Amino acid sequence: MRDLVIVMGVAGSGKTTVGAGLAEAAGWPFVEADAFHPDANRAKMASGTPLTDEDRAGWISAITAHVAQSRAPRMVLACSALTRFVQERLMGDSGRFCRFVWLDVPAGDLRARMAAREGHFMPVSLLESQLAALDVPDGAVRVDAMRPAGELVQMLQEALPAPDPA
């Protein structure tokens, strides 16, 4: 079975940093979910309007199509994966066994991280809606994402079993 490690969490939690670090350390392909957002979604978020699952449908379809076509036995995806809708589409349409890793960060620290970012389409004003939408799947590996990224990458390499070759 092919695996998909989904590094999930709200904006500012460190998904890209940790996901890319894990992929690089392990030699697995890395996919950044934000790269698949259509311009309309980016504009909507930049205006301070949260996305709906209807808005997310095309985005998640593009991600799952990309992931499904890869021959790599394991991939890492940095994706908010906030709602059951997105999680179920990843599990059902990616053609992979999905392992969710939730980067848990206190809200105050998330606000500070988001405020410090330059040039990102996600405004701090959307943080509360993201926290309200967050539905962590059963069985997700929870990590304290206040720890250094390198430490988290090492912990995840040890916590995630090797893919089943079958």
N, C-alpha and C. Protein backbone atom coordinates (compact mmCIF):
# COMPACT_ATOMS: atom_id res chain seq x y z
N MET A 1 0.85 -1.19 0.00
CA MET A 1 0.00 0.00 0.00
C MET A 1 0.89 1.24 0.00
N ARG A 2 0.54 2.19 -0.82
CA ARG A 2 1.29 3.45 -0.86
C ARG A 2 0.76 4.37 0.24
N ASP A 3 1.68 5.14 0.84
CA ASP A 3 1.35 6.00 1.97
C ASP A 3 1.33 7.47 1.58
N LEU A 4 0.54 8.22 2.30
CA LEU A 4 0.54 9.67 2.21
C LEU A 4 0.57 10.21 3.64
N VAL A 5 1.68 10.84 4.01
CA VAL A 5 1.80 11.46 5.32
C VAL A 5 1.30 12.89 5.16
N ILE A 6 0.22 13.22 5.85
CA ILE A 6 -0.40 14.54 5.74
C ILE A 6 -0.04 15.33 6.99
N VAL A 7 0.80 16.34 6.81
CA VAL A 7 1.18 17.22 7.90
C VAL A 7 0.13 18.33 7.91
N MET A 8 -0.74 18.29 8.93
CA MET A 8 -1.92 19.15 8.95
C MET A 8 -1.91 20.13 10.12
N GLY A 9 -2.75 21.13 9.99
CA GLY A 9 -2.93 22.12 11.04
C GLY A 9 -3.40 23.43 10.45
N VAL A 10 -3.68 24.36 11.30
CA VAL A 10 -4.15 25.66 10.85
C VAL A 10 -2.98 26.48 10.32
N ALA A 11 -3.29 27.63 9.74
CA ALA A 11 -2.27 28.52 9.21
C ALA A 11 -1.29 28.89 10.32
N GLY A 12 -0.01 28.90 9.97
CA GLY A 12 1.01 29.29 10.92
C GLY A 12 1.52 28.17 11.81
N SER A 13 1.01 26.96 11.63
CA SER A 13 1.43 25.86 12.50
C SER A 13 2.77 25.24 12.10
N GLY A 14 3.25 25.54 10.90
CA GLY A 14 4.54 25.01 10.46
C GLY A 14 4.45 23.84 9.50
N LYS A 15 3.31 23.68 8.85
CA LYS A 15 3.11 22.53 7.95
C LYS A 15 4.18 22.44 6.87
N THR A 16 4.44 23.54 6.20
CA THR A 16 5.41 23.52 5.10
C THR A 16 6.81 23.23 5.62
N THR A 17 7.21 23.89 6.68
CA THR A 17 8.56 23.71 7.23
C THR A 17 8.77 22.27 7.68
N VAL A 18 7.83 21.74 8.45
CA VAL A 18 7.97 20.38 8.98
C VAL A 18 7.80 19.36 7.86
N GLY A 19 6.80 19.55 7.01
CA GLY A 19 6.56 18.61 5.92
C GLY A 19 7.73 18.52 4.96
N ALA A 20 8.24 19.68 4.54
CA ALA A 20 9.38 19.69 3.62
C ALA A 20 10.62 19.10 4.29
N GLY A 21 10.79 19.38 5.57
CA GLY A 21 11.93 18.82 6.30
C GLY A 21 11.85 17.31 6.41
N LEU A 22 10.66 16.80 6.69
CA LEU A 22 10.46 15.36 6.78
C LEU A 22 10.71 14.70 5.42
N ALA A 23 10.15 15.28 4.38
CA ALA A 23 10.33 14.72 3.04
C ALA A 23 11.81 14.70 2.64
N GLU A 24 12.50 15.79 2.90
CA GLU A 24 13.92 15.86 2.55
C GLU A 24 14.75 14.86 3.35
N ALA A 25 14.50 14.79 4.65
CA ALA A 25 15.27 13.88 5.50
C ALA A 25 15.06 12.42 5.11
N ALA A 26 13.86 12.10 4.69
CA ALA A 26 13.53 10.70 4.38
C ALA A 26 13.68 10.36 2.90
N GLY A 27 13.86 11.39 2.05
CA GLY A 27 13.98 11.15 0.62
C GLY A 27 12.65 10.87 -0.07
N TRP A 28 11.57 11.42 0.48
CA TRP A 28 10.23 11.23 -0.10
C TRP A 28 9.81 12.50 -0.83
N PRO A 29 8.98 12.38 -1.85
CA PRO A 29 8.47 13.57 -2.53
C PRO A 29 7.62 14.41 -1.57
N PHE A 30 7.68 15.73 -1.74
CA PHE A 30 6.92 16.67 -0.94
C PHE A 30 5.92 17.40 -1.82
N VAL A 31 4.70 17.55 -1.29
CA VAL A 31 3.64 18.27 -2.00
C VAL A 31 3.11 19.36 -1.08
N GLU A 32 3.02 20.57 -1.59
CA GLU A 32 2.49 21.72 -0.86
C GLU A 32 1.07 21.99 -1.35
N ALA A 33 0.09 21.75 -0.50
CA ALA A 33 -1.32 21.89 -0.89
C ALA A 33 -1.66 23.30 -1.33
N ASP A 34 -1.03 24.31 -0.74
CA ASP A 34 -1.34 25.69 -1.12
C ASP A 34 -1.07 25.95 -2.59
N ALA A 35 -0.15 25.20 -3.20
CA ALA A 35 0.17 25.39 -4.62
C ALA A 35 -1.00 25.02 -5.53
N PHE A 36 -1.98 24.30 -5.00
CA PHE A 36 -3.11 23.84 -5.81
C PHE A 36 -4.34 24.74 -5.68
N HIS A 37 -4.28 25.75 -4.81
CA HIS A 37 -5.43 26.65 -4.67
C HIS A 37 -5.62 27.46 -5.94
N PRO A 38 -6.84 27.49 -6.46
CA PRO A 38 -7.10 28.37 -7.61
C PRO A 38 -7.04 29.84 -7.15
N ASP A 39 -6.86 30.73 -8.10
CA ASP A 39 -6.77 32.15 -7.79
C ASP A 39 -8.00 32.65 -7.02
N ALA A 40 -9.17 32.11 -7.34
CA ALA A 40 -10.40 32.54 -6.66
C ALA A 40 -10.34 32.23 -5.16
N ASN A 41 -9.81 31.06 -4.81
CA ASN A 41 -9.67 30.70 -3.39
C ASN A 41 -8.68 31.63 -2.69
N ARG A 42 -7.55 31.88 -3.35
CA ARG A 42 -6.55 32.76 -2.76
C ARG A 42 -7.12 34.16 -2.54
N ALA A 43 -7.85 34.64 -3.52
CA ALA A 43 -8.44 35.99 -3.40
C ALA A 43 -9.48 36.03 -2.29
N LYS A 44 -10.26 34.98 -2.18
CA LYS A 44 -11.29 34.93 -1.14
C LYS A 44 -10.64 34.96 0.25
N MET A 45 -9.61 34.14 0.44
CA MET A 45 -8.93 34.12 1.73
C MET A 45 -8.23 35.45 2.00
N ALA A 46 -7.57 35.99 0.99
CA ALA A 46 -6.86 37.26 1.16
C ALA A 46 -7.82 38.38 1.56
N SER A 47 -9.08 38.27 1.14
CA SER A 47 -10.08 39.29 1.49
C SER A 47 -10.63 39.09 2.91
N GLY A 48 -10.21 37.99 3.55
CA GLY A 48 -10.66 37.73 4.92
C GLY A 48 -11.90 36.85 5.00
N THR A 49 -12.27 36.20 3.90
CA THR A 49 -13.45 35.34 3.87
C THR A 49 -13.01 33.88 3.92
N PRO A 50 -13.49 33.12 4.91
CA PRO A 50 -13.12 31.70 5.00
C PRO A 50 -13.65 30.90 3.82
N LEU A 51 -12.93 29.87 3.45
CA LEU A 51 -13.40 28.96 2.40
C LEU A 51 -14.48 28.03 2.95
N THR A 52 -15.36 27.62 2.06
CA THR A 52 -16.36 26.60 2.37
C THR A 52 -15.88 25.29 1.75
N ASP A 53 -16.53 24.19 2.11
CA ASP A 53 -16.17 22.92 1.48
C ASP A 53 -16.44 22.97 -0.03
N GLU A 54 -17.43 23.74 -0.45
CA GLU A 54 -17.67 23.91 -1.89
C GLU A 54 -16.46 24.56 -2.55
N ASP A 55 -15.89 25.57 -1.88
CA ASP A 55 -14.67 26.21 -2.40
C ASP A 55 -13.51 25.23 -2.44
N ARG A 56 -13.46 24.33 -1.50
CA ARG A 56 -12.33 23.40 -1.38
C ARG A 56 -12.41 22.22 -2.35
N ALA A 57 -13.56 21.98 -2.95
CA ALA A 57 -13.77 20.78 -3.77
C ALA A 57 -12.78 20.67 -4.93
N GLY A 58 -12.64 21.71 -5.74
CA GLY A 58 -11.72 21.66 -6.87
C GLY A 58 -10.27 21.57 -6.42
N TRP A 59 -9.97 22.27 -5.34
CA TRP A 59 -8.62 22.27 -4.77
C TRP A 59 -8.23 20.86 -4.32
N ILE A 60 -9.10 20.21 -3.58
CA ILE A 60 -8.76 18.88 -3.07
C ILE A 60 -8.74 17.85 -4.20
N SER A 61 -9.57 18.05 -5.22
CA SER A 61 -9.53 17.15 -6.38
C SER A 61 -8.20 17.25 -7.12
N ALA A 62 -7.68 18.46 -7.25
CA ALA A 62 -6.39 18.64 -7.91
C ALA A 62 -5.26 17.99 -7.10
N ILE A 63 -5.34 18.13 -5.78
CA ILE A 63 -4.31 17.52 -4.93
C ILE A 63 -4.36 16.00 -5.03
N THR A 64 -5.55 15.42 -4.89
CA THR A 64 -5.65 13.96 -4.90
C THR A 64 -5.27 13.38 -6.27
N ALA A 65 -5.59 14.08 -7.34
CA ALA A 65 -5.19 13.61 -8.67
C ALA A 65 -3.66 13.60 -8.79
N HIS A 66 -3.02 14.65 -8.30
CA HIS A 66 -1.56 14.73 -8.35
C HIS A 66 -0.92 13.61 -7.53
N VAL A 67 -1.42 13.40 -6.33
CA VAL A 67 -0.87 12.39 -5.42
C VAL A 67 -1.11 10.98 -5.97
N ALA A 68 -2.30 10.75 -6.52
CA ALA A 68 -2.64 9.42 -7.02
C ALA A 68 -1.77 9.01 -8.19
N GLN A 69 -1.36 9.97 -9.02
CA GLN A 69 -0.58 9.61 -10.20
C GLN A 69 0.89 9.32 -9.91
N SER A 70 1.37 9.71 -8.75
CA SER A 70 2.77 9.47 -8.40
C SER A 70 3.00 7.99 -8.11
N ARG A 71 4.15 7.50 -8.53
CA ARG A 71 4.53 6.11 -8.27
C ARG A 71 5.31 5.96 -6.97
N ALA A 72 5.62 7.06 -6.32
CA ALA A 72 6.40 7.01 -5.09
C ALA A 72 5.65 6.20 -4.03
N PRO A 73 6.35 5.33 -3.28
CA PRO A 73 5.67 4.53 -2.26
C PRO A 73 5.17 5.38 -1.09
N ARG A 74 5.84 6.50 -0.82
CA ARG A 74 5.42 7.39 0.28
C ARG A 74 5.64 8.82 -0.16
N MET A 75 4.70 9.67 0.20
CA MET A 75 4.78 11.10 -0.08
C MET A 75 4.41 11.85 1.18
N VAL A 76 4.84 13.11 1.24
CA VAL A 76 4.47 13.99 2.34
C VAL A 76 3.69 15.16 1.75
N LEU A 77 2.53 15.43 2.35
CA LEU A 77 1.67 16.52 1.92
C LEU A 77 1.49 17.51 3.06
N ALA A 78 1.84 18.77 2.83
CA ALA A 78 1.54 19.83 3.79
C ALA A 78 0.17 20.38 3.40
N CYS A 79 -0.81 20.18 4.26
CA CYS A 79 -2.20 20.53 3.93
C CYS A 79 -2.95 20.83 5.22
N SER A 80 -3.72 21.91 5.23
CA SER A 80 -4.48 22.23 6.43
C SER A 80 -5.38 21.08 6.83
N ALA A 81 -6.06 20.45 5.86
CA ALA A 81 -6.93 19.29 6.13
C ALA A 81 -7.82 19.52 7.33
N LEU A 82 -8.41 20.71 7.42
CA LEU A 82 -9.16 21.09 8.61
C LEU A 82 -10.46 20.33 8.79
N THR A 83 -11.15 20.04 7.69
CA THR A 83 -12.50 19.49 7.79
C THR A 83 -12.57 18.02 7.41
N ARG A 84 -13.61 17.36 7.89
CA ARG A 84 -13.85 15.96 7.52
C ARG A 84 -13.98 15.82 6.02
N PHE A 85 -14.60 16.81 5.37
CA PHE A 85 -14.75 16.78 3.91
C PHE A 85 -13.39 16.58 3.25
N VAL A 86 -12.42 17.40 3.61
CA VAL A 86 -11.08 17.32 3.01
C VAL A 86 -10.40 16.01 3.41
N GLN A 87 -10.48 15.66 4.67
CA GLN A 87 -9.84 14.43 5.15
C GLN A 87 -10.40 13.21 4.42
N GLU A 88 -11.71 13.14 4.28
CA GLU A 88 -12.34 11.99 3.61
C GLU A 88 -11.97 11.94 2.14
N ARG A 89 -11.87 13.09 1.49
CA ARG A 89 -11.46 13.11 0.09
C ARG A 89 -10.01 12.65 -0.06
N LEU A 90 -9.16 13.08 0.85
CA LEU A 90 -7.77 12.61 0.80
C LEU A 90 -7.71 11.10 0.96
N MET A 91 -8.44 10.58 1.94
CA MET A 91 -8.42 9.13 2.19
C MET A 91 -9.08 8.35 1.06
N GLY A 92 -10.14 8.90 0.48
CA GLY A 92 -10.88 8.16 -0.53
C GLY A 92 -10.38 8.31 -1.95
N ASP A 93 -9.74 9.44 -2.26
CA ASP A 93 -9.41 9.72 -3.66
C ASP A 93 -7.92 9.74 -3.98
N SER A 94 -7.06 9.63 -2.97
CA SER A 94 -5.63 9.73 -3.23
C SER A 94 -5.01 8.40 -3.65
N GLY A 95 -5.73 7.30 -3.43
CA GLY A 95 -5.18 5.99 -3.74
C GLY A 95 -4.07 5.58 -2.78
N ARG A 96 -4.08 6.18 -1.59
CA ARG A 96 -3.01 5.94 -0.62
C ARG A 96 -3.59 5.76 0.78
N PHE A 97 -2.80 5.10 1.62
CA PHE A 97 -3.12 5.01 3.03
C PHE A 97 -2.67 6.32 3.66
N CYS A 98 -3.58 7.04 4.25
CA CYS A 98 -3.29 8.38 4.79
C CYS A 98 -2.96 8.31 6.27
N ARG A 99 -1.85 8.96 6.61
CA ARG A 99 -1.41 9.09 8.00
C ARG A 99 -1.39 10.59 8.31
N PHE A 100 -2.22 11.00 9.25
CA PHE A 100 -2.32 12.42 9.59
C PHE A 100 -1.41 12.76 10.75
N VAL A 101 -0.67 13.86 10.60
CA VAL A 101 0.18 14.40 11.64
C VAL A 101 -0.33 15.81 11.92
N TRP A 102 -0.83 16.03 13.14
CA TRP A 102 -1.41 17.31 13.51
C TRP A 102 -0.39 18.15 14.26
N LEU A 103 -0.06 19.30 13.69
CA LEU A 103 0.85 20.24 14.34
C LEU A 103 0.03 21.14 15.25
N ASP A 104 0.16 20.91 16.53
CA ASP A 104 -0.62 21.62 17.54
C ASP A 104 0.19 22.80 18.08
N VAL A 105 -0.37 24.01 17.94
CA VAL A 105 0.28 25.23 18.39
C VAL A 105 -0.76 26.08 19.11
N PRO A 106 -0.44 26.67 20.26
CA PRO A 106 -1.39 27.56 20.94
C PRO A 106 -1.79 28.74 20.04
N ALA A 107 -3.04 29.16 20.17
CA ALA A 107 -3.60 30.22 19.31
C ALA A 107 -2.77 31.50 19.35
N GLY A 108 -2.31 31.91 20.52
CA GLY A 108 -1.52 33.13 20.61
C GLY A 108 -0.23 33.06 19.81
N ASP A 109 0.40 31.90 19.84
CA ASP A 109 1.63 31.70 19.06
C ASP A 109 1.34 31.66 17.57
N LEU A 110 0.19 31.08 17.20
CA LEU A 110 -0.20 31.08 15.79
C LEU A 110 -0.38 32.50 15.28
N ARG A 111 -1.07 33.33 16.08
CA ARG A 111 -1.27 34.74 15.69
C ARG A 111 0.08 35.44 15.46
N ALA A 112 1.00 35.23 16.37
CA ALA A 112 2.32 35.86 16.25
C ALA A 112 3.05 35.37 15.01
N ARG A 113 3.01 34.08 14.75
CA ARG A 113 3.67 33.53 13.57
C ARG A 113 3.06 34.11 12.29
N MET A 114 1.73 34.15 12.25
CA MET A 114 1.06 34.65 11.04
C MET A 114 1.35 36.13 10.83
N ALA A 115 1.37 36.89 11.90
CA ALA A 115 1.63 38.33 11.79
C ALA A 115 3.04 38.59 11.29
N ALA A 116 3.96 37.68 11.57
CA ALA A 116 5.36 37.86 11.17
C ALA A 116 5.62 37.46 9.71
N ARG A 117 4.68 36.74 9.10
CA ARG A 117 4.88 36.30 7.71
C ARG A 117 4.66 37.47 6.76
N GLU A 118 5.45 37.52 5.72
CA GLU A 118 5.28 38.55 4.71
C GLU A 118 4.87 37.90 3.40
N GLY A 119 3.92 38.51 2.70
CA GLY A 119 3.55 38.06 1.37
C GLY A 119 2.68 36.82 1.31
N HIS A 120 2.13 36.37 2.42
CA HIS A 120 1.27 35.19 2.40
C HIS A 120 -0.17 35.62 2.23
N PHE A 121 -0.94 34.84 1.46
CA PHE A 121 -2.33 35.21 1.17
C PHE A 121 -3.27 35.05 2.36
N MET A 122 -2.86 34.32 3.38
CA MET A 122 -3.74 34.03 4.52
C MET A 122 -3.58 35.10 5.59
N PRO A 123 -4.61 35.92 5.81
CA PRO A 123 -4.51 36.95 6.84
C PRO A 123 -4.76 36.38 8.25
N VAL A 124 -4.21 37.07 9.24
CA VAL A 124 -4.39 36.67 10.63
C VAL A 124 -5.88 36.63 11.00
N SER A 125 -6.68 37.46 10.35
CA SER A 125 -8.12 37.53 10.67
C SER A 125 -8.84 36.21 10.42
N LEU A 126 -8.27 35.32 9.63
CA LEU A 126 -8.92 34.03 9.37
C LEU A 126 -8.55 32.94 10.37
N LEU A 127 -7.65 33.25 11.28
CA LEU A 127 -7.21 32.22 12.23
C LEU A 127 -8.37 31.66 13.04
N GLU A 128 -9.23 32.50 13.57
CA GLU A 128 -10.34 32.02 14.40
C GLU A 128 -11.25 31.08 13.62
N SER A 129 -11.52 31.39 12.36
CA SER A 129 -12.38 30.50 11.56
C SER A 129 -11.68 29.17 11.30
N GLN A 130 -10.36 29.20 11.14
CA GLN A 130 -9.62 27.95 10.94
C GLN A 130 -9.66 27.10 12.21
N LEU A 131 -9.45 27.73 13.35
CA LEU A 131 -9.50 26.99 14.61
C LEU A 131 -10.89 26.40 14.84
N ALA A 132 -11.93 27.14 14.47
CA ALA A 132 -13.31 26.65 14.63
C ALA A 132 -13.59 25.47 13.70
N ALA A 133 -12.98 25.49 12.51
CA ALA A 133 -13.22 24.43 11.52
C ALA A 133 -12.38 23.18 11.79
N LEU A 134 -11.31 23.32 12.56
CA LEU A 134 -10.37 22.21 12.78
C LEU A 134 -11.06 21.01 13.42
N ASP A 135 -11.01 19.88 12.73
CA ASP A 135 -11.58 18.62 13.20
C ASP A 135 -10.49 17.57 13.04
N VAL A 136 -9.72 17.35 14.08
CA VAL A 136 -8.58 16.44 14.01
C VAL A 136 -9.09 15.00 13.88
N PRO A 137 -8.62 14.28 12.86
CA PRO A 137 -9.10 12.91 12.66
C PRO A 137 -8.62 11.96 13.76
N ASP A 138 -9.44 10.96 14.03
CA ASP A 138 -9.05 9.91 14.98
C ASP A 138 -7.76 9.28 14.50
N GLY A 139 -6.88 9.01 15.42
CA GLY A 139 -5.63 8.34 15.08
C GLY A 139 -4.52 9.26 14.59
N ALA A 140 -4.80 10.56 14.50
CA ALA A 140 -3.75 11.49 14.07
C ALA A 140 -2.63 11.50 15.09
N VAL A 141 -1.41 11.64 14.60
CA VAL A 141 -0.26 11.79 15.47
C VAL A 141 -0.20 13.27 15.85
N ARG A 142 -0.36 13.57 17.14
CA ARG A 142 -0.32 14.95 17.61
C ARG A 142 1.11 15.28 18.02
N VAL A 143 1.61 16.41 17.50
CA VAL A 143 2.93 16.85 17.92
C VAL A 143 2.84 18.30 18.40
N ASP A 144 3.63 18.58 19.40
CA ASP A 144 3.73 19.93 19.95
C ASP A 144 4.63 20.72 19.00
N ALA A 145 4.02 21.51 18.15
CA ALA A 145 4.76 22.21 17.10
C ALA A 145 5.43 23.49 17.60
N MET A 146 5.54 23.62 18.92
CA MET A 146 6.36 24.70 19.49
C MET A 146 7.82 24.23 19.59
N ARG A 147 8.03 22.95 19.37
CA ARG A 147 9.39 22.41 19.39
C ARG A 147 10.09 22.78 18.09
N PRO A 148 11.42 22.77 18.06
CA PRO A 148 12.16 23.08 16.83
C PRO A 148 11.81 22.12 15.69
N ALA A 149 11.76 22.66 14.48
CA ALA A 149 11.36 21.86 13.31
C ALA A 149 12.23 20.62 13.14
N GLY A 150 13.54 20.76 13.31
CA GLY A 150 14.43 19.60 13.16
C GLY A 150 14.12 18.50 14.15
N GLU A 151 13.76 18.88 15.36
CA GLU A 151 13.39 17.91 16.38
C GLU A 151 12.09 17.21 15.99
N LEU A 152 11.14 17.97 15.45
CA LEU A 152 9.87 17.38 15.02
C LEU A 152 10.08 16.40 13.87
N VAL A 153 10.93 16.76 12.93
CA VAL A 153 11.22 15.87 11.80
C VAL A 153 11.79 14.56 12.31
N GLN A 154 12.75 14.64 13.23
CA GLN A 154 13.35 13.42 13.78
C GLN A 154 12.30 12.58 14.51
N MET A 155 11.47 13.23 15.31
CA MET A 155 10.41 12.52 16.04
C MET A 155 9.47 11.81 15.07
N LEU A 156 9.10 12.49 13.98
CA LEU A 156 8.16 11.91 13.02
C LEU A 156 8.79 10.75 12.26
N GLN A 157 10.05 10.85 11.95
CA GLN A 157 10.72 9.73 11.29
C GLN A 157 10.68 8.48 12.17
N GLU A 158 10.80 8.67 13.46
CA GLU A 158 10.76 7.54 14.39
C GLU A 158 9.33 7.06 14.63
N ALA A 159 8.36 7.98 14.58
CA ALA A 159 6.97 7.63 14.91
C ALA A 159 6.20 7.00 13.76
N LEU A 160 6.63 7.28 12.54
CA LEU A 160 5.88 6.77 11.38
C LEU A 160 6.54 5.48 10.87
N PRO A 161 5.82 4.38 10.95
CA PRO A 161 6.40 3.12 10.48
C PRO A 161 6.63 3.16 8.97
N ALA A 162 7.56 2.35 8.53
CA ALA A 162 7.85 2.26 7.10
C ALA A 162 6.61 1.80 6.33
N PRO A 163 6.46 2.25 5.08
CA PRO A 163 5.32 1.82 4.29
C PRO A 163 5.29 0.32 4.09
N ASP A 164 4.11 -0.23 4.04
CA ASP A 164 3.93 -1.65 3.76
C ASP A 164 4.23 -1.90 2.29
N PRO A 165 5.18 -2.77 1.97
CA PRO A 165 5.55 -2.98 0.56
C PRO A 165 4.48 -3.69 -0.25
N ALA A 166 3.46 -4.22 0.38
CA ALA A 166 2.43 -4.98 -0.35
C ALA A 166 1.59 -4.11 -1.24
